[in-house]
Amino acid sequence: MRLTFLTPAVRIALSVSVATGLYGISFGALSIAAGLDLWQTMALSALMFTGGSQFAFIGVLAGGGAGAAAFGAASLLGVRNAIYGMQMNVMLRPRKTRRLLAAHVTIDESIAVAAGQTELVEAKRGFWWTGFGVFALWNVFTVLGAVLGDALGDPAAWGLDGAAVAAFLALLWPRLKSRDPIALAVVAAVVTILAVPVVPSGVPIMIAAIVAGVWGWLGSGRMTTSADAETHPEGERA
């Protein structure tokens, strides 16, 4: 029997959901180690639902920081999701009843899968399948990690810390088809590597995103200038 709903975007969404969801084991285990109980850990994954902010939150608590400091660090990292949300609203145009759901599942993974599609219908499928797929598996594995954390030991020993990274690389690789995207990827990687030792976890990706935004803005300016030159040759200008 042919599974017609398994379009390319849905298949990517499912693979990304599994890879990202597995890392929830790490969060569950670390959250318990940071002093939160099972219900608090489950609430963070269900309500906050953005991995970088969640790790920042428990990281501050584990370091002896206050709840307000943990909330501030998590909020800082969550700012990028607001930017994603504006982009997705323009791309997907969700109805009023779906806006709240769309806002809750607007994360790195759902944005990456949607943005990687060339057709709008596939972008929508990629966004929703990835968003709900990651949400479901992330919460399931969070509980598993919280309950079995001590038995599992270090999640990195199982390679779970690299699963989400591998998924992102798989999404990025097909888009590196010309000089500019390759150069931008290299610059962003270098900026991230340099920032990792000196800023809190999660902030390096925000710095790289800012660099990418500036790169895109400057590139847009060059394209506009070039287009104007082609549209209005020197001899035709007023």
Foldseek 3Di string as FASTA:
>chain_A
DDDVVPDVLLVLLLLLLVLLLLLLLQLLLLLVVLPDALVVLLCCCQPVVEVQLSCQLSVCSSVVHDNVVSNVSSVVLCVVLVVLLVVCCVLQVDDPVCSVVLSNLSYPQLSLSLVLDPDSVSSVSNNVSNSVSNSVSSSVSSSVSNVCVVVVDRVVVVVSVCSNVVSSCVSLVVVPPDDVSVVLVVVLVVQLVVCVVPDDGSVSNVVSVVVVVVSVVVVVVVVVVVVVCVVQPPVRDD
